[in-house]
Amino acid sequence: MEQHALKRLEKVEENQRKAYEKKKDGFPWKQIIMGLLFGVILLLMLIQMIVK
């Protein structure tokens, strides 16, 4: 009984460790999209200042 409980605890701890591991993403899509949005907003602001 005790061995079963220890095995179960070990599995739970392993699953919790997996949740905190950083996922490896091949390409930083979020950073590129945020950069493009920031660029578009800056461009629109500059156009608005020039047109005034």
C-alpha atoms as a PDB file:
ATOM      1  CA  MET A   1       0.000   0.000   0.000  1.00  0.00           C
ATOM      2  CA  GLU A   2       2.762   2.415   0.949  1.00  0.00           C
ATOM      3  CA  GLN A   3       4.691   1.667  -2.249  1.00  0.00           C
ATOM      4  CA  HIS A   4       1.608   2.390  -4.323  1.00  0.00           C
ATOM      5  CA  ALA A   5       1.177   5.752  -2.570  1.00  0.00           C
ATOM      6  CA  LEU A   6       4.830   6.644  -3.162  1.00  0.00           C
ATOM      7  CA  LYS A   7       4.559   5.756  -6.857  1.00  0.00           C
ATOM      8  CA  ARG A   8       1.433   7.865  -7.176  1.00  0.00           C
ATOM      9  CA  LEU A   9       3.105  10.806  -5.438  1.00  0.00           C
ATOM     10  CA  GLU A  10       6.090  10.482  -7.753  1.00  0.00           C
ATOM     11  CA  LYS A  11       3.818  10.593 -10.813  1.00  0.00           C
ATOM     12  CA  VAL A  12       1.993  13.677  -9.502  1.00  0.00           C
ATOM     13  CA  GLU A  13       5.285  15.470  -8.848  1.00  0.00           C
ATOM     14  CA  GLU A  14       6.517  14.561 -12.333  1.00  0.00           C
ATOM     15  CA  ASN A  15       3.344  15.967 -13.901  1.00  0.00           C
ATOM     16  CA  GLN A  16       3.731  19.202 -11.932  1.00  0.00           C
ATOM     17  CA  ARG A  17       7.333  19.534 -13.117  1.00  0.00           C
ATOM     18  CA  LYS A  18       6.158  19.158 -16.709  1.00  0.00           C
ATOM     19  CA  ALA A  19       3.732  22.053 -16.264  1.00  0.00           C
ATOM     20  CA  TYR A  20       6.571  24.394 -15.303  1.00  0.00           C
ATOM     21  CA  GLU A  21       8.936  23.368 -18.099  1.00  0.00           C
ATOM     22  CA  LYS A  22       9.295  26.053 -20.749  1.00  0.00           C
ATOM     23  CA  LYS A  23       7.940  25.023 -24.107  1.00  0.00           C
ATOM     24  CA  LYS A  24      10.386  25.351 -26.964  1.00  0.00           C
ATOM     25  CA  ASP A  25       8.823  27.264 -29.830  1.00  0.00           C
ATOM     26  CA  GLY A  26      10.662  27.128 -33.121  1.00  0.00           C
ATOM     27  CA  PHE A  27       9.668  30.613 -34.260  1.00  0.00           C
ATOM     28  CA  PRO A  28       8.673  33.622 -32.085  1.00  0.00           C
ATOM     29  CA  TRP A  29       5.309  34.264 -33.764  1.00  0.00           C
ATOM     30  CA  LYS A  30       3.903  36.322 -30.893  1.00  0.00           C
ATOM     31  CA  GLN A  31       6.841  38.740 -30.905  1.00  0.00           C
ATOM     32  CA  ILE A  32       6.640  39.229 -34.674  1.00  0.00           C
ATOM     33  CA  ILE A  33       2.888  39.870 -34.604  1.00  0.00           C
ATOM     34  CA  MET A  34       3.232  42.329 -31.714  1.00  0.00           C
ATOM     35  CA  GLY A  35       6.056  44.111 -33.531  1.00  0.00           C
ATOM     36  CA  LEU A  36       3.995  44.397 -36.703  1.00  0.00           C
ATOM     37  CA  LEU A  37       1.006  45.766 -34.782  1.00  0.00           C
ATOM     38  CA  PHE A  38       3.238  48.293 -33.036  1.00  0.00           C
ATOM     39  CA  GLY A  39       4.703  49.353 -36.391  1.00  0.00           C
ATOM     40  CA  VAL A  40       1.261  49.775 -37.958  1.00  0.00           C
ATOM     41  CA  ILE A  41       0.065  51.888 -35.040  1.00  0.00           C
ATOM     42  CA  LEU A  42       3.155  54.108 -35.220  1.00  0.00           C
ATOM     43  CA  LEU A  43       2.730  54.456 -38.986  1.00  0.00           C
ATOM     44  CA  LEU A  44      -0.919  55.472 -38.595  1.00  0.00           C
ATOM     45  CA  MET A  45       0.007  58.033 -35.942  1.00  0.00           C
ATOM     46  CA  LEU A  46       2.695  59.542 -38.184  1.00  0.00           C
ATOM     47  CA  ILE A  47       0.321  59.706 -41.153  1.00  0.00           C
ATOM     48  CA  GLN A  48      -2.291  61.398 -38.988  1.00  0.00           C
ATOM     49  CA  MET A  49       0.246  64.003 -37.800  1.00  0.00           C
ATOM     50  CA  ILE A  50       1.373  64.745 -41.363  1.00  0.00           C
ATOM     51  CA  VAL A  51      -2.150  65.062 -42.781  1.00  0.00           C
ATOM     52  CA  LYS A  52      -3.279  67.511 -40.095  1.00  0.00           C
END
